[in-house]
Protein backbone atom coordinates (compact mmCIF):
# COMPACT_ATOMS: atom_id res chain seq x y z
CA MET A 1 20.16 -49.66 1.31
CA THR A 2 21.51 -48.19 -1.92
CA LYS A 3 22.69 -44.64 -2.40
CA LEU A 4 19.76 -44.05 -4.76
CA THR A 5 17.27 -45.17 -2.10
CA LEU A 6 18.90 -42.93 0.49
CA LEU A 7 18.70 -40.02 -1.91
CA ILE A 8 15.00 -40.65 -2.63
CA ASN A 9 14.20 -40.95 1.07
CA SER A 10 16.06 -37.73 1.84
CA LEU A 11 14.20 -35.89 -0.90
CA MET A 12 10.85 -37.18 0.37
CA LEU A 13 11.69 -36.09 3.93
CA LEU A 14 12.71 -32.65 2.67
CA LEU A 15 9.43 -32.33 0.75
CA ILE A 16 7.34 -33.36 3.77
CA THR A 17 9.23 -30.95 6.05
CA SER A 18 8.88 -28.11 3.57
CA THR A 19 5.15 -28.73 3.12
CA HIS A 20 4.61 -28.85 6.88
CA ALA A 21 6.50 -25.57 7.33
CA GLN A 22 4.31 -23.91 4.73
CA THR A 23 1.01 -25.16 6.17
CA ALA A 24 1.82 -24.88 9.89
CA THR A 25 0.02 -22.06 11.68
CA PRO A 26 2.50 -19.19 12.17
CA LYS A 27 2.84 -17.93 15.70
CA TYR A 28 2.89 -14.44 17.15
CA LYS A 29 4.13 -13.38 20.55
CA ILE A 30 4.02 -10.32 22.75
CA ALA A 31 7.61 -9.20 22.31
CA ASN A 32 7.40 -6.09 24.50
CA THR A 33 5.06 -4.08 26.68
CA PHE A 34 5.65 -0.33 26.78
CA ALA A 35 4.31 1.45 29.86
CA ILE A 36 3.51 5.02 28.78
CA LYS A 37 3.16 7.80 31.32
CA GLY A 38 -0.09 9.72 31.57
CA ASP A 39 -3.76 8.98 31.91
CA GLY A 40 -6.86 9.47 29.83
CA PRO A 41 -8.55 7.71 26.90
CA TRP A 42 -6.91 6.85 23.59
CA ASP A 43 -7.88 6.03 20.03
CA TYR A 44 -5.69 5.54 16.95
CA LEU A 45 -1.94 5.24 16.69
CA VAL A 46 0.28 5.26 13.60
CA SER A 47 3.74 3.90 12.81
CA ASP A 48 6.43 6.01 11.15
CA ASP A 49 8.24 2.99 9.71
CA ALA A 50 11.19 4.97 8.34
CA THR A 51 12.21 6.29 11.78
CA SER A 52 10.82 3.52 14.03
CA ARG A 53 8.46 5.86 15.87
CA LEU A 54 4.89 5.49 17.03
CA PHE A 55 2.56 8.50 17.18
CA VAL A 56 -0.02 7.67 19.85
CA SER A 57 -3.27 9.44 20.73
CA HIS A 58 -3.62 9.73 24.50
CA GLY A 59 -6.16 11.96 26.19
CA GLY A 60 -5.43 15.59 25.39
CA ILE A 61 -1.93 14.94 24.06
CA THR A 62 -0.17 12.96 21.34
CA GLN A 63 2.89 10.99 22.42
CA VAL A 64 5.81 9.91 20.25
CA VAL A 65 7.33 6.59 21.27
CA ASP A 66 10.36 4.63 20.07
CA SER A 67 8.89 1.45 18.57
CA TYR A 68 11.87 -0.69 19.65
CA SER A 69 12.43 0.44 23.22
CA GLY A 70 9.18 2.16 24.18
CA GLU A 71 11.11 5.29 25.15
CA LEU A 72 9.01 8.44 25.14
CA LEU A 73 10.65 10.67 22.51
CA GLY A 74 8.30 13.62 22.61
CA THR A 75 4.90 14.98 23.56
CA ILE A 76 2.64 17.09 21.36
CA PRO A 77 0.38 19.10 23.69
CA ASN A 78 -3.03 20.67 23.16
CA THR A 79 -4.52 17.94 20.97
CA LYS A 80 -7.82 17.93 22.85
CA GLY A 81 -9.87 14.80 22.33
CA VAL A 82 -7.27 13.45 19.91
CA HIS A 83 -8.53 10.63 17.69
CA GLY A 84 -6.19 10.08 14.77
CA ILE A 85 -2.78 10.93 13.34
CA THR A 86 -1.66 10.80 9.72
CA LEU A 87 1.83 11.44 8.34
CA ASP A 88 2.86 13.45 5.28
CA GLN A 89 6.45 12.31 4.75
CA ALA A 90 7.07 14.53 1.71
CA ASP A 91 6.37 17.72 3.66
CA GLN A 92 7.53 16.29 7.00
CA LYS A 93 4.23 17.02 8.74
CA ALA A 94 1.86 15.17 11.04
CA PHE A 95 -1.85 16.02 10.92
CA ILE A 96 -3.75 15.27 14.15
CA SER A 97 -7.55 15.29 14.52
CA CYS A 98 -8.73 16.95 17.74
CA GLY A 99 -12.34 16.01 18.41
CA ARG A 100 -13.08 18.31 21.33
CA ASP A 101 -12.24 21.60 19.63
CA THR A 102 -13.13 20.59 16.03
CA SER A 103 -9.61 21.23 14.80
CA VAL A 104 -6.59 19.65 13.19
CA SER A 105 -3.13 20.25 14.66
CA ILE A 106 -0.32 20.31 12.10
CA VAL A 107 3.13 19.62 13.55
CA ASP A 108 6.69 19.25 12.33
CA LEU A 109 7.68 15.57 12.16
CA SER A 110 11.17 16.18 13.51
CA SER A 111 10.76 18.79 16.23
CA TYR A 112 7.06 18.11 17.06
CA ALA A 113 6.57 21.88 17.02
CA LEU A 114 3.10 23.16 16.19
CA LEU A 115 3.04 24.61 12.67
CA SER A 116 -0.63 25.43 12.47
CA LYS A 117 -3.99 24.65 14.06
CA ILE A 118 -7.00 24.91 11.78
CA LYS A 119 -10.73 24.53 12.26
CA VAL A 120 -12.52 21.86 10.25
CA THR A 121 -15.95 22.10 8.65
CA GLY A 122 -17.65 19.52 10.84
CA VAL A 123 -18.04 18.31 14.41
CA ASN A 124 -15.85 15.71 16.16
CA PRO A 125 -13.08 15.10 13.62
CA ASP A 126 -12.14 11.47 14.09
CA ALA A 127 -10.34 9.34 11.49
CA ILE A 128 -7.81 11.24 9.39
CA LEU A 129 -5.94 10.21 6.24
CA TYR A 130 -3.13 11.71 4.15
CA ASP A 131 -3.44 10.81 0.46
CA LYS A 132 -0.11 11.06 -1.37
CA PHE A 133 -1.81 10.82 -4.78
CA SER A 134 -3.69 14.09 -4.36
CA ASN A 135 -1.48 15.61 -1.65
CA GLN A 136 -4.58 16.17 0.46
CA VAL A 137 -5.65 15.28 3.98
CA PHE A 138 -9.13 13.86 4.50
CA VAL A 139 -10.65 14.53 7.93
CA PHE A 140 -13.73 12.45 8.75
CA ASN A 141 -16.15 14.27 11.06
CA GLY A 142 -18.19 11.80 13.09
CA ARG A 143 -21.09 13.91 14.30
CA THR A 144 -21.78 15.77 11.07
CA ALA A 145 -21.23 12.89 8.62
CA ASN A 146 -18.91 14.83 6.37
CA VAL A 147 -15.28 15.12 5.30
CA SER A 148 -13.11 18.22 5.54
CA VAL A 149 -10.44 18.21 2.82
CA ILE A 150 -7.15 19.98 3.61
CA ASP A 151 -4.53 20.97 1.06
CA ALA A 152 -1.31 19.58 2.51
CA LYS A 153 0.85 22.36 1.05
CA SER A 154 -1.15 25.38 2.17
CA ASP A 155 -2.68 23.76 5.29
CA THR A 156 -6.11 25.14 4.44
CA VAL A 157 -9.53 23.49 4.16
CA THR A 158 -10.48 23.54 0.48
CA THR A 159 -13.85 21.76 0.43
CA THR A 160 -16.32 19.60 2.35
CA ILE A 161 -17.72 16.27 1.18
CA GLN A 162 -21.08 15.13 2.55
CA LEU A 163 -21.50 11.47 3.52
CA SER A 164 -24.66 9.43 4.07
CA GLY A 165 -23.76 8.43 7.62
CA LYS A 166 -21.15 8.38 10.40
CA PRO A 167 -17.64 7.78 9.05
CA GLU A 168 -15.16 5.50 10.75
CA PHE A 169 -11.72 4.40 9.50
CA ALA A 170 -10.52 5.14 5.95
CA VAL A 171 -7.83 3.90 3.54
CA THR A 172 -6.45 5.09 0.21
CA ASP A 173 -5.41 3.06 -2.84
CA GLY A 174 -2.85 5.72 -3.76
CA LYS A 175 -4.39 6.04 -7.22
CA GLY A 176 -7.29 8.38 -6.62
CA LYS A 177 -9.77 6.44 -4.51
CA ILE A 178 -10.49 6.81 -0.81
CA TYR A 179 -12.52 4.16 1.02
CA VAL A 180 -14.28 4.85 4.32
CA ASN A 181 -16.50 2.70 6.54
CA ILE A 182 -19.94 4.22 7.26
CA GLU A 183 -20.65 2.81 10.71
CA ASP A 184 -24.39 3.47 11.16
CA LYS A 185 -25.31 2.39 7.62
CA SER A 186 -22.98 -0.65 7.39
CA LEU A 187 -21.52 0.62 4.12
CA VAL A 188 -18.22 1.42 2.49
CA ALA A 189 -18.26 4.81 0.75
CA VAL A 190 -15.85 5.46 -2.13
CA ILE A 191 -14.53 9.00 -2.62
CA ASP A 192 -12.89 10.20 -5.82
CA ALA A 193 -9.79 12.16 -4.76
CA LYS A 194 -9.86 14.16 -7.99
CA THR A 195 -13.49 15.29 -8.06
CA LEU A 196 -13.80 15.19 -4.24
CA SER A 197 -17.18 13.50 -4.40
CA VAL A 198 -18.71 10.19 -3.30
CA ILE A 199 -18.84 7.94 -6.37
CA ASN A 200 -20.07 4.68 -4.79
CA GLU A 201 -21.58 3.15 -1.67
CA TRP A 202 -21.27 -0.60 -1.12
CA SER A 203 -23.16 -2.74 1.36
CA LEU A 204 -21.21 -4.69 3.98
CA ALA A 205 -24.09 -7.10 4.68
CA PRO A 206 -24.08 -9.40 6.55
CA GLY A 207 -21.63 -7.27 8.54
CA THR A 208 -22.94 -4.50 10.80
CA GLY A 209 -21.31 -1.55 12.57
CA PRO A 210 -18.01 -1.47 10.65
CA SER A 211 -15.02 0.22 12.27
CA GLY A 212 -11.50 -0.83 11.20
CA LEU A 213 -10.75 -0.96 7.47
CA ALA A 214 -7.73 -2.30 5.56
CA LEU A 215 -6.81 -2.77 1.91
CA ASP A 216 -4.77 -5.22 -0.12
CA ASN A 217 -3.73 -2.90 -2.91
CA VAL A 218 -2.42 -5.75 -5.09
CA THR A 219 -5.52 -7.96 -5.20
CA HIS A 220 -7.83 -4.99 -4.53
CA ARG A 221 -9.57 -6.48 -1.51
CA LEU A 222 -11.09 -4.49 1.35
CA PHE A 223 -11.19 -5.92 4.88
CA SER A 224 -13.81 -4.39 7.17
CA ALA A 225 -13.95 -5.29 10.88
CA CYS A 226 -17.60 -5.31 11.95
CA ASP A 227 -19.12 -5.29 15.43
CA ASN A 228 -21.11 -8.48 14.86
CA LYS A 229 -17.85 -10.43 15.09
CA MET A 230 -17.06 -10.78 11.44
CA MET A 231 -14.58 -9.42 8.96
CA VAL A 232 -16.26 -8.69 5.63
CA ILE A 233 -14.13 -8.84 2.49
CA LEU A 234 -15.18 -6.83 -0.58
CA ASN A 235 -13.77 -6.35 -4.07
CA ALA A 236 -12.33 -2.82 -4.00
CA THR A 237 -12.87 -2.41 -7.74
CA ASN A 238 -16.61 -3.06 -7.95
CA GLY A 239 -17.79 -3.52 -4.35
CA LEU A 240 -18.85 -7.14 -4.84
CA PHE A 241 -19.08 -9.27 -1.70
CA ILE A 242 -16.39 -11.97 -1.51
CA ASP A 243 -16.31 -13.60 1.93
CA THR A 244 -16.56 -13.26 5.70
CA VAL A 245 -14.28 -14.55 8.45
CA ALA A 246 -15.16 -14.75 12.14
CA ILE A 247 -13.28 -12.33 14.42
CA GLY A 248 -13.41 -11.37 18.10
CA GLY A 249 -15.82 -9.05 19.86
CA ASN A 250 -15.66 -5.25 20.09
CA PRO A 251 -13.26 -4.70 17.16
CA ASP A 252 -12.10 -1.18 16.34
CA GLY A 253 -8.97 -1.54 14.22
CA CYS A 254 -7.85 -3.46 11.15
CA VAL A 255 -4.54 -3.51 9.25
CA PHE A 256 -3.12 -5.52 6.33
CA ASP A 257 0.44 -6.78 5.89
CA PRO A 258 1.15 -6.98 2.13
CA VAL A 259 4.14 -9.29 2.59
CA SER A 260 2.45 -12.04 4.61
CA LYS A 261 -0.93 -11.35 2.94
CA ARG A 262 -2.62 -11.22 6.33
CA ALA A 263 -5.31 -8.97 7.77
CA PHE A 264 -5.36 -8.31 11.51
CA SER A 265 -8.35 -7.26 13.59
CA SER A 266 -7.79 -5.80 17.07
CA ASN A 267 -10.69 -6.79 19.31
CA GLY A 268 -11.50 -4.97 22.54
CA GLU A 269 -12.53 -8.24 24.16
CA GLY A 270 -8.79 -9.00 24.46
CA THR A 271 -7.84 -10.80 21.25
CA MET A 272 -6.26 -10.15 17.86
CA THR A 273 -7.62 -12.09 14.89
CA VAL A 274 -5.24 -13.06 12.07
CA VAL A 275 -6.86 -13.71 8.67
CA GLN A 276 -4.86 -15.26 5.84
CA GLU A 277 -5.49 -14.33 2.22
CA ASP A 278 -4.77 -17.28 -0.08
CA LYS A 279 -4.78 -17.46 -3.86
CA GLY A 280 -8.10 -17.68 -5.65
CA ASP A 281 -10.04 -15.42 -3.29
CA LYS A 282 -9.71 -17.82 -0.38
CA PHE A 283 -9.66 -16.37 3.14
CA ARG A 284 -9.31 -18.26 6.39
CA LEU A 285 -8.94 -17.70 10.10
CA LEU A 286 -5.26 -18.31 10.71
CA SER A 287 -5.01 -17.74 14.45
CA THR A 288 -6.39 -15.84 17.41
CA ILE A 289 -3.85 -14.15 19.67
CA ASP A 290 -4.59 -13.22 23.28
CA THR A 291 -3.85 -9.54 23.87
CA HIS A 292 -5.50 -7.55 26.66
CA LYS A 293 -9.01 -6.38 27.32
CA SER A 294 -9.54 -2.89 25.83
CA ALA A 295 -6.72 -3.35 23.26
CA ARG A 296 -9.06 -2.38 20.45
CA THR A 297 -6.93 -0.25 18.08
CA ILE A 298 -3.88 -1.31 16.10
CA CYS A 299 -1.12 -0.23 13.75
CA LEU A 300 1.45 -2.11 11.70
CA ASP A 301 5.13 -1.42 11.11
CA ALA A 302 5.35 -2.67 7.52
CA LYS A 303 9.14 -2.83 7.73
CA THR A 304 9.45 -5.05 10.82
CA HIS A 305 5.93 -6.62 10.62
CA HIS A 306 5.40 -5.82 14.30
CA LEU A 307 1.91 -4.85 15.45
CA TYR A 308 1.16 -2.34 18.19
CA LEU A 309 -2.00 -2.28 20.33
CA PRO A 310 -2.59 0.22 23.18
CA TYR A 311 -4.71 -0.56 26.24
CA ALA A 312 -5.31 0.47 29.85
CA GLU A 313 -6.84 -1.11 32.92
CA TYR A 314 -10.36 -0.21 34.05
CA GLY A 315 -11.79 -0.14 37.55
CA ASP A 316 -15.24 -1.22 38.74
CA ILE A 317 -18.34 0.54 37.46
CA PRO A 318 -19.60 2.89 40.20
CA PRO A 319 -23.24 2.82 41.35
CA ALA A 320 -25.77 4.75 39.25
CA THR A 321 -27.03 8.09 40.53
CA LYS A 322 -29.67 10.58 39.43
CA THR A 323 -27.04 12.74 37.77
CA THR A 324 -25.15 9.74 36.31
CA PRO A 325 -27.73 7.06 35.49
CA ASN A 326 -25.32 5.09 33.26
CA PRO A 327 -21.88 5.36 34.83
CA LYS A 328 -18.83 3.99 33.03
CA ALA A 329 -15.92 2.10 34.48
CA PRO A 330 -13.07 4.53 35.28
CA LEU A 331 -9.59 4.16 33.87
CA LYS A 332 -7.01 3.08 36.42
CA PRO A 333 -4.28 5.73 36.68
CA GLY A 334 -0.82 4.80 35.41
CA THR A 335 -1.89 1.71 33.44
CA PHE A 336 -1.64 2.91 29.84
CA THR A 337 0.45 0.37 27.92
CA ILE A 338 1.31 -0.50 24.33
CA LEU A 339 1.63 -4.14 23.32
CA ASP A 340 4.35 -4.95 20.77
CA ILE A 341 3.33 -8.16 18.98
CA ALA A 342 5.92 -9.83 16.74
CA PRO A 343 5.81 -12.79 14.37
CA MET A 344 7.92 -15.67 15.66
């Protein structure tokens, strides 16, 4: 065999190996499980990528956890019925929606001390979003279908935006547009951060009951996790339907990693769906990762590309009674855990 033949064969082998590496399904693993003290329900969590901290809703408190070790760094009390947390890095504040007392707690990002607690102009504040473009916080009130807008400098409610239905998760493009899923109407509403008004509503059909929402701010694609086991992808510029991808059951969270160009849906059935965005508006199911039943919300550390999903164990559903005709399964004490999922 000549040197030229050896060289050609080596180049062919290198090309085949490279192609296989690019097309092989990437793997994810549960890198850590963080057992967090305390009981009670939970909802959203958010990653402070710069300091490797997780802010976690948990019952009537908000817990701050080291995202590498799972160490509990601090506890923010009196966040009754906490749903969501959003971070204003410029002013070093966290804004926390408290559903049970229709308020937002504003705390110092370093000391976790309460700076202010303000009432919102709706009932059951749920999702919450800081928009750097307008330096405003948007609080989405589930039971009154409206949005309380807070000035992040003065910590005061400046206006209220009416919506056509129940808001769920929201994202910002950082350029003046806020997108929010309208759960009971299966829509995405678009809010102008300058005029503080709804400027568009886009159908998510064939998706129904949208919850988690994510955005690719480069290709301007919205990813909406819907309760009929599909992720609906829309054009964020004009609202045109692009595609759907099958996901797991009982989804509640959705995030997008701009580096890997992947959208992730956390599904309460006990899975995480990974959707790959390819060139030319092509989207495909990349993989389905086993997580844990009830791990329905999610956040992404964009620096490490780790994903975090909280869950807890449930007991058996008790028998129905006259006073409790539709009993729910109780949470098992001491089982609240955060999954740390890492790309391999």
